[in-house]
Amino acid sequence: MVQFQGSLQQKKGVGAKLMTTVKTHLKTIDINAIILFTGKDYFPFDFYLKSGFNTMEEMRMMHFGQVE
C-alpha cells in the first residue's frame, strides 16, 4: 500500500491517524512488522520516526546501473 499526503494535509494529523489505523489492522491479521524504505533527507523520514519506526543500521539500499 502506498499513501502520500499532499502538502495541504500535512501537519494536520491525517497521516498519523492513517498510520494508527494501518498498524491496528495489521495486528488483527497477525502481521507484526512493517519494513519500508524512505530517504533520510525527506519529510517522510521524520514522520516515520515520530510514528515509532526505527532505522535498520544493518540494512543498506543497493542498486546496479543508472538511477535517476
Protein backbone atom coordinates (compact mmCIF):
# COMPACT_ATOMS: atom_id res chain seq x y z
CA MET A 1 0.00 0.00 0.00
CA VAL A 2 1.34 3.43 -0.90
CA GLN A 3 -0.19 6.56 0.58
CA PHE A 4 1.03 10.13 0.23
CA GLN A 5 -0.42 13.14 1.99
CA GLY A 6 -0.27 16.31 -0.09
CA SER A 7 1.19 19.46 1.45
CA LEU A 8 -2.30 20.80 2.27
CA GLN A 9 -2.95 17.79 4.51
CA GLN A 10 0.45 17.60 6.19
CA LYS A 11 0.80 18.61 9.84
CA LYS A 12 -2.93 18.08 10.46
CA GLY A 13 -2.72 14.57 11.91
CA VAL A 14 -4.16 12.82 8.86
CA GLY A 15 -1.06 10.70 8.28
CA ALA A 16 -0.79 9.83 11.99
CA LYS A 17 -4.42 8.66 12.04
CA LEU A 18 -3.85 6.63 8.88
CA MET A 19 -0.70 5.05 10.35
CA THR A 20 -2.55 4.13 13.55
CA THR A 21 -5.36 2.55 11.53
CA VAL A 22 -2.92 0.56 9.40
CA LYS A 23 -0.93 -0.68 12.43
CA THR A 24 -4.14 -1.69 14.23
CA HIS A 25 -5.45 -3.57 11.19
CA LEU A 26 -2.16 -5.37 10.60
CA LYS A 27 -2.18 -6.63 14.20
CA THR A 28 -5.64 -8.14 13.64
CA ILE A 29 -4.28 -10.23 10.77
CA ASP A 30 -1.12 -11.26 12.67
CA ILE A 31 1.31 -9.01 10.84
CA ASN A 32 3.67 -7.70 13.50
CA ALA A 33 6.20 -5.69 11.50
CA ILE A 34 6.38 -3.08 8.76
CA ILE A 35 9.58 -2.57 6.79
CA LEU A 36 9.78 0.43 4.48
CA PHE A 37 12.36 2.43 2.56
CA THR A 38 12.50 6.23 2.58
CA GLY A 39 15.16 8.86 2.08
CA LYS A 40 16.73 10.41 5.20
CA ASP A 41 16.55 13.91 3.69
CA TYR A 42 12.80 13.93 3.01
CA PHE A 43 9.79 14.76 5.18
CA PRO A 44 8.53 11.16 5.48
CA PHE A 45 11.72 10.09 7.30
CA ASP A 46 10.92 12.28 10.32
CA PHE A 47 7.26 11.31 10.16
CA TYR A 48 8.13 7.62 10.35
CA LEU A 49 10.49 8.22 13.29
CA LYS A 50 7.67 10.03 15.12
CA SER A 51 5.37 7.10 14.27
CA GLY A 52 7.62 4.67 16.13
CA PHE A 53 9.73 3.32 13.28
CA ASN A 54 13.43 2.64 13.89
CA THR A 55 16.28 2.72 11.42
CA MET A 56 17.79 -0.63 10.50
CA GLU A 57 21.51 0.03 10.53
CA GLU A 58 22.29 -3.44 9.23
CA MET A 59 20.26 -2.77 6.05
CA ARG A 60 21.55 -0.90 3.01
CA MET A 61 19.75 0.09 -0.17
CA MET A 62 21.69 -1.03 -3.24
CA HIS A 63 21.34 -0.63 -6.98
CA PHE A 64 23.11 -1.56 -10.20
CA GLY A 65 23.18 0.74 -13.21
CA GLN A 66 22.00 4.30 -13.67
CA VAL A 67 19.45 5.59 -11.17
CA GLU A 68 17.61 8.80 -11.96
